[in-house]
Every structure is written in structure tokens, then in C-alpha cells.
Amino acid sequence: MDDEQAKDPGRPDDPYSRSQYRKLIAWETRIGREAPFLTRCLAEVPDASVLDLGCGSGEHVAWFAQGGARAVGLDQSDAMIESARAHEARGEGRFFLGDALHAKTALGAEPPFGLALCLGNMLPHLTEDEDLAAFAAAVRSVLVPGGRLLIQLLNYTALLKDGSKALPVNVRPGDGDEQIVFVRVMKSAPGGRVLFFPTTLTLDPSLEEPMAVHTTRRVELRAWSAAQLTAALEKEQFRVRLFGDMRGGDYKAAASHDLVVLAEARAHDNERTVP
């Protein structure tokens, strides 16, 4: 979010109200890396329209809109949607406040979409089996026949197998001479859960004590596996294909950094498969 939005505490229960999400990620580099795969996904759906579920500050929505697609973002965080409004003001998509599990209601009269996105490790915030089932049904209800759902999350199968304790530290430019340091420590938990402790630090080399905590919190996530996601989606008549990254590489359960799911909404079993 921008500096003015960072001053607004937002809702007391909004964990992203003090985040610096837009600054934490090198968006131009990330989307440039993902662009060929995203372009392919959009080209293969019946309608050039995109719904980003858990859109955050709206960078993916804006990129698709700049390319001529009807692009819409949905997020349940007031702070994230307020940040995304800057894109909407430039004509780079439209944004709605709402829960992905009730997407159809939140979007009102918005027509169905050709492509739905759920990127950036958003899905693990749904921690119960019934939440995942509700998500699959909700997405199915907002897609045109033959539309597709693209999910990206960390490959927890590999992370937990390796006993990983943290993700790589991310250092990004802040205001002036400051830098933003993003640390994500993790700990496995019972019931297929993972505890994350995302912490944002500010680094000012000119100070005697140069590093200070900006935000820190405890987040319980569900370490969804490829088998669990496939089963939930197939129950809603999706045909599923797995990838190991956002370039369309092969998925290897013990080695891939990401778990990427491309699922086609089908009406009948004899419809075409995902190419």
C-alpha cells in the first residue's frame, strides 16, 4: 500500500492493515517471469476474463487489464482493496471486498469468468476440509463452462519433508535510505497445519540500532497436498493438471518449490482435457 494508506489502521481485525504488501514483492520481475504461463492460460479459456481470488493489492488484475482482459479482483481485506483502488482509478481492473467462499454473492451481477486465479499461497489460509470443498464449489459457480482455475501455493510436501524452518529472507527498498526486510519463519503443527510467523523489519543503516520490527504475527495455515486439492476439485467436476512452478514445469512432490494446479471446469466426462 502507499504511504497514506499505511497511516490508516483499518479494521481492528484486518491483519493486513499495517502491511507493506506492495513493497515486499518485486512485482515487475515476478509478473514478467509468470507472464508466458499466464498468457497461455488465458488464451486457452472460452472467455478473455479473469477473476483473482485473494487479489491483494491488485498487481495481477492490473496486468491482465492492461492486456485487454476483463479483470476483477476479490479480497476480504479492507486494506488490500483500498490499496488496489489505485489500479481501478487508472482503469486497470475492478475490485470487490468479499470472501472467496462466497464469491458469487460478493461479485453481484458480474458475469462469469473464463479464468480464476488463486495465487501467492492464499489457499492455505483455508484450514478446514469443508473450507476447501466450499472454495471449489464457489469457484465452479463463477466460471463459464470450460473455464479454468489456476492455483499456486508453496509445495508443503517438500518443505515439510526437508524440515524447513524458514523461507528465504526478502529485502526490498523502503522510504529514503530505509530497506524493508521480510522474514518468514515456519513450524510444522499437528493436523496438517503449518505455523507461519511473517515479520516485517525496517532497516535504517544510519541508526545506532538499525533494525526495528514493523509488523509480526502468527498465522496458522493448512499444508494442502496435491492429492487433497485434486480430490476436492474433481468432486466439483474439474479436470486437474499439476505443475511445479509458474512456468509450467513438471511437478515433483519431493523437489518442486511450488505446487501449481490448473483445473478445467467441465460439464461432461467426454469434454476435452487440459492440454
Protein backbone atom coordinates (compact mmCIF):
# COMPACT_ATOMS: atom_id res chain seq x y z
CA MET A 1 0.00 0.00 0.00
CA ASP A 2 1.10 3.61 -0.37
CA ASP A 3 2.23 5.85 2.49
CA GLU A 4 -1.14 7.47 3.13
CA GLN A 5 -2.87 4.11 3.32
CA ALA A 6 -0.19 2.84 5.68
CA LYS A 7 -1.26 5.52 8.20
CA ASP A 8 -4.81 4.16 8.31
CA PRO A 9 -5.12 1.40 10.93
CA GLY A 10 -8.04 -0.12 9.02
CA ARG A 11 -10.32 -2.61 10.70
CA PRO A 12 -9.03 -3.90 14.05
CA ASP A 13 -9.42 -7.49 12.80
CA ASP A 14 -7.69 -6.90 9.45
CA PRO A 15 -4.20 -8.44 9.75
CA TYR A 16 -3.06 -6.64 6.59
CA SER A 17 -3.96 -3.13 7.76
CA ARG A 18 -0.33 -2.31 8.62
CA SER A 19 1.37 -4.46 5.99
CA GLN A 20 3.55 -3.10 3.19
CA TYR A 21 2.48 -5.82 0.77
CA ARG A 22 3.08 -3.90 -2.44
CA LYS A 23 6.61 -3.04 -1.37
CA LEU A 24 7.51 -6.56 -0.22
CA ILE A 25 7.42 -8.12 -3.68
CA ALA A 26 9.32 -7.22 -6.85
CA TRP A 27 6.09 -7.24 -8.83
CA GLU A 28 7.51 -6.28 -12.20
CA THR A 29 10.06 -9.09 -12.01
CA ARG A 30 7.56 -11.62 -10.72
CA ILE A 31 4.88 -10.95 -13.31
CA GLY A 32 7.47 -10.80 -16.06
CA ARG A 33 8.57 -14.30 -15.05
CA GLU A 34 4.99 -15.59 -14.88
CA ALA A 35 3.68 -13.78 -17.97
CA PRO A 36 4.17 -16.54 -20.59
CA PHE A 37 2.32 -19.12 -18.48
CA LEU A 38 -0.44 -16.67 -17.53
CA THR A 39 -0.86 -15.64 -21.16
CA ARG A 40 -1.14 -19.28 -22.19
CA CYS A 41 -3.77 -19.95 -19.52
CA LEU A 42 -5.90 -17.01 -20.65
CA ALA A 43 -5.56 -17.92 -24.34
CA GLU A 44 -6.96 -21.40 -23.70
CA VAL A 45 -10.21 -20.37 -21.96
CA PRO A 46 -13.51 -19.61 -23.71
CA ASP A 47 -13.77 -16.02 -22.43
CA ALA A 48 -10.99 -13.43 -22.01
CA SER A 49 -11.88 -12.57 -18.43
CA VAL A 50 -10.03 -13.08 -15.14
CA LEU A 51 -11.10 -13.21 -11.51
CA ASP A 52 -8.28 -13.02 -8.94
CA LEU A 53 -9.40 -14.53 -5.63
CA GLY A 54 -7.33 -13.08 -2.81
CA CYS A 55 -6.07 -10.37 -5.15
CA GLY A 56 -4.10 -8.45 -2.53
CA SER A 57 -3.05 -5.05 -3.85
CA GLY A 58 -4.17 -5.99 -7.36
CA GLU A 59 -0.99 -6.32 -9.42
CA HIS A 60 -2.09 -9.42 -11.34
CA VAL A 61 -5.50 -7.90 -12.03
CA ALA A 62 -3.88 -4.72 -13.35
CA TRP A 63 -1.54 -6.72 -15.62
CA PHE A 64 -4.39 -8.67 -17.19
CA ALA A 65 -6.46 -5.49 -17.60
CA GLN A 66 -3.56 -3.76 -19.33
CA GLY A 67 -3.55 -6.65 -21.79
CA GLY A 68 -7.21 -6.10 -22.65
CA ALA A 69 -8.92 -8.72 -20.48
CA ARG A 70 -11.91 -8.05 -18.26
CA ALA A 71 -10.12 -8.34 -14.94
CA VAL A 72 -11.65 -8.33 -11.45
CA GLY A 73 -10.10 -8.79 -8.02
CA LEU A 74 -11.73 -10.04 -4.82
CA ASP A 75 -10.18 -9.84 -1.35
CA GLN A 76 -11.59 -9.87 2.18
CA SER A 77 -9.03 -7.36 3.47
CA ASP A 78 -10.16 -3.72 3.54
CA ALA A 79 -6.53 -2.62 3.43
CA MET A 80 -5.72 -4.69 0.36
CA ILE A 81 -8.77 -3.50 -1.56
CA GLU A 82 -8.05 0.12 -0.64
CA SER A 83 -4.53 -0.34 -1.98
CA ALA A 84 -5.90 -1.91 -5.18
CA ARG A 85 -8.17 1.07 -5.79
CA ALA A 86 -5.19 2.92 -7.26
CA HIS A 87 -5.25 0.44 -10.15
CA GLU A 88 -9.01 0.79 -10.54
CA ALA A 89 -8.68 4.58 -10.73
CA ARG A 90 -6.38 4.09 -13.73
CA GLY A 91 -8.85 1.75 -15.42
CA GLU A 92 -6.76 -1.31 -14.56
CA GLY A 93 -9.48 -3.68 -13.40
CA ARG A 94 -12.25 -3.60 -10.83
CA PHE A 95 -12.09 -4.66 -7.19
CA PHE A 96 -14.58 -6.06 -4.70
CA LEU A 97 -14.40 -6.62 -0.96
CA GLY A 98 -15.52 -10.14 -0.07
CA ASP A 99 -14.78 -13.72 0.87
CA ALA A 100 -13.71 -16.19 -1.83
CA LEU A 101 -16.04 -18.82 -0.32
CA HIS A 102 -18.97 -16.53 -1.20
CA ALA A 103 -17.54 -15.13 -4.41
CA LYS A 104 -20.75 -15.21 -6.42
CA THR A 105 -22.60 -13.16 -3.80
CA ALA A 106 -19.72 -10.72 -3.35
CA LEU A 107 -19.47 -10.07 -7.11
CA GLY A 108 -23.17 -9.35 -7.56
CA ALA A 109 -24.15 -9.01 -11.23
CA GLU A 110 -20.60 -9.56 -12.53
CA PRO A 111 -20.73 -12.11 -15.40
CA PRO A 112 -18.91 -15.46 -15.13
CA PHE A 113 -15.21 -15.63 -15.91
CA GLY A 114 -13.00 -17.62 -18.20
CA LEU A 115 -10.07 -17.83 -15.77
CA ALA A 116 -9.97 -17.71 -11.96
CA LEU A 117 -6.70 -17.20 -10.08
CA CYS A 118 -5.74 -18.14 -6.55
CA LEU A 119 -2.06 -17.22 -6.31
CA GLY A 120 0.59 -16.38 -3.76
CA ASN A 121 -0.12 -19.03 -1.15
CA MET A 122 -3.63 -17.70 -0.44
CA LEU A 123 -5.37 -21.09 -0.38
CA PRO A 124 -3.59 -22.41 2.75
CA HIS A 125 -5.42 -19.75 4.77
CA LEU A 126 -8.43 -22.07 4.33
CA THR A 127 -7.60 -24.57 7.06
CA GLU A 128 -10.57 -26.97 7.16
CA ASP A 129 -11.62 -29.70 4.71
CA GLU A 130 -15.06 -28.12 4.40
CA ASP A 131 -13.44 -24.77 3.55
CA LEU A 132 -11.58 -26.33 0.64
CA ALA A 133 -14.76 -28.03 -0.57
CA ALA A 134 -16.65 -24.72 -0.33
CA PHE A 135 -13.88 -22.96 -2.23
CA ALA A 136 -14.02 -25.46 -5.10
CA ALA A 137 -17.79 -25.10 -5.34
CA ALA A 138 -17.62 -21.30 -5.15
CA VAL A 139 -15.09 -21.09 -7.98
CA ARG A 140 -17.08 -23.52 -10.11
CA SER A 141 -20.10 -21.22 -9.75
CA VAL A 142 -18.31 -18.16 -11.17
CA LEU A 143 -16.66 -19.82 -14.19
CA VAL A 144 -18.06 -20.21 -17.68
CA PRO A 145 -18.27 -23.80 -18.99
CA GLY A 146 -14.74 -24.79 -19.92
CA GLY A 147 -13.28 -22.06 -17.73
CA ARG A 148 -10.19 -22.75 -15.66
CA LEU A 149 -8.86 -22.24 -12.17
CA LEU A 150 -5.16 -21.59 -11.63
CA ILE A 151 -3.88 -22.18 -8.07
CA GLN A 152 -0.35 -21.53 -6.86
CA LEU A 153 0.92 -22.29 -3.37
CA LEU A 154 4.11 -23.47 -1.73
CA ASN A 155 4.84 -27.16 -2.13
CA TYR A 156 4.43 -28.07 1.53
CA THR A 157 5.12 -31.74 0.82
CA ALA A 158 8.74 -30.88 0.03
CA LEU A 159 9.09 -28.19 2.69
CA LEU A 160 7.90 -30.44 5.50
CA LYS A 161 9.90 -33.41 4.24
CA ASP A 162 13.08 -31.30 4.31
CA GLY A 163 12.30 -29.90 7.78
CA SER A 164 12.48 -26.31 6.52
CA LYS A 165 12.39 -23.70 9.28
CA ALA A 166 12.10 -20.55 7.17
CA LEU A 167 11.65 -19.23 3.66
CA PRO A 168 14.35 -17.06 2.07
CA VAL A 169 14.66 -13.55 3.51
CA ASN A 170 13.34 -10.85 1.19
CA VAL A 171 14.96 -7.38 1.25
CA ARG A 172 13.24 -4.58 -0.65
CA PRO A 173 13.66 -0.78 -0.93
CA GLY A 174 11.68 1.25 1.60
CA ASP A 175 11.35 5.00 2.04
CA GLY A 176 14.50 7.08 1.62
CA ASP A 177 17.53 5.13 2.80
CA GLU A 178 15.40 2.54 4.60
CA GLN A 179 15.02 -1.04 3.50
CA ILE A 180 12.20 -3.46 4.24
CA VAL A 181 13.23 -6.91 5.43
CA PHE A 182 10.61 -9.66 5.20
CA VAL A 183 11.24 -12.77 7.29
CA ARG A 184 9.01 -15.89 7.24
CA VAL A 185 9.82 -18.42 9.94
CA MET A 186 7.72 -21.59 9.88
CA LYS A 187 6.97 -24.54 12.13
CA SER A 188 5.03 -27.71 11.40
CA ALA A 189 1.93 -28.34 13.51
CA PRO A 190 -0.49 -31.24 14.03
CA GLY A 191 -3.41 -31.89 11.71
CA GLY A 192 -1.61 -30.99 8.50
CA ARG A 193 -1.04 -27.43 9.65
CA VAL A 194 1.94 -25.12 9.39
CA LEU A 195 2.53 -22.15 11.67
CA PHE A 196 3.99 -19.13 9.91
CA PHE A 197 5.46 -16.13 11.69
CA PRO A 198 5.72 -13.45 8.98
CA THR A 199 7.68 -10.48 10.26
CA THR A 200 8.45 -7.19 8.54
CA LEU A 201 11.50 -5.29 9.74
CA THR A 202 12.71 -1.84 8.76
CA LEU A 203 16.44 -1.35 8.29
CA ASP A 204 17.94 2.14 8.57
CA PRO A 205 21.75 1.91 8.32
CA SER A 206 22.16 5.42 9.77
CA LEU A 207 20.78 4.45 13.19
CA GLU A 208 22.73 3.03 16.12
CA GLU A 209 20.07 0.30 16.37
CA PRO A 210 19.37 -0.04 12.67
CA MET A 211 16.67 -2.72 12.59
CA ALA A 212 13.18 -2.44 14.07
CA VAL A 213 10.09 -4.64 13.94
CA HIS A 214 7.31 -3.08 11.86
CA THR A 215 4.82 -5.96 11.98
CA THR A 216 4.90 -9.54 13.23
CA ARG A 217 2.14 -12.07 13.65
CA ARG A 218 1.30 -15.75 13.95
CA VAL A 219 -0.59 -17.39 11.08
CA GLU A 220 -1.95 -20.93 11.02
CA LEU A 221 -2.04 -22.40 7.52
CA ARG A 222 -3.11 -25.70 6.04
CA ALA A 223 -0.36 -27.57 4.20
CA TRP A 224 -2.60 -28.76 1.36
CA SER A 225 -1.14 -31.55 -0.75
CA ALA A 226 -1.58 -32.19 -4.46
CA ALA A 227 -3.79 -35.20 -3.69
CA GLN A 228 -6.07 -33.20 -1.40
CA LEU A 229 -6.51 -30.37 -3.90
CA THR A 230 -7.10 -32.79 -6.78
CA ALA A 231 -9.77 -34.71 -4.85
CA ALA A 232 -11.66 -31.56 -3.84
CA LEU A 233 -11.61 -30.14 -7.36
CA GLU A 234 -12.57 -33.38 -9.09
CA LYS A 235 -15.60 -33.60 -6.82
CA GLU A 236 -16.78 -30.34 -8.42
CA GLN A 237 -16.20 -31.71 -11.94
CA PHE A 238 -12.83 -30.09 -12.55
CA ARG A 239 -10.22 -31.86 -14.61
CA VAL A 240 -6.84 -31.28 -12.95
CA ARG A 241 -3.26 -30.94 -14.10
CA LEU A 242 -0.27 -30.24 -11.83
CA PHE A 243 2.84 -28.12 -12.40
CA GLY A 244 5.89 -27.39 -10.28
CA ASP A 245 6.21 -23.68 -10.99
CA MET A 246 4.57 -20.73 -12.74
CA ARG A 247 6.49 -21.52 -15.91
CA GLY A 248 4.63 -24.77 -16.46
CA GLY A 249 7.44 -27.05 -15.29
CA ASP A 250 6.79 -30.61 -14.14
CA TYR A 251 5.55 -31.11 -10.58
CA LYS A 252 7.84 -33.21 -8.39
CA ALA A 253 6.37 -33.78 -4.94
CA ALA A 254 9.73 -34.09 -3.20
CA ALA A 255 11.54 -31.31 -5.04
CA SER A 256 9.31 -28.61 -6.57
CA HIS A 257 9.26 -25.26 -4.78
CA ASP A 258 5.64 -24.61 -5.76
CA LEU A 259 2.50 -26.61 -6.28
CA VAL A 260 0.60 -25.17 -9.25
CA VAL A 261 -2.82 -26.55 -10.16
CA LEU A 262 -4.59 -25.86 -13.45
CA ALA A 263 -8.16 -27.15 -13.32
CA GLU A 264 -10.72 -27.09 -16.13
CA ALA A 265 -14.41 -26.81 -15.28
CA ARG A 266 -16.12 -29.49 -17.31
CA ALA A 267 -19.78 -30.28 -17.85
CA HIS A 268 -19.36 -33.84 -19.11
CA ASP A 269 -16.70 -36.50 -18.80
CA ASN A 270 -16.14 -36.58 -22.56
CA GLU A 271 -15.13 -32.92 -22.78
CA ARG A 272 -11.60 -32.11 -23.85
CA THR A 273 -8.75 -32.45 -21.38
CA VAL A 274 -6.41 -29.71 -20.24
CA PRO A 275 -3.72 -29.56 -22.95
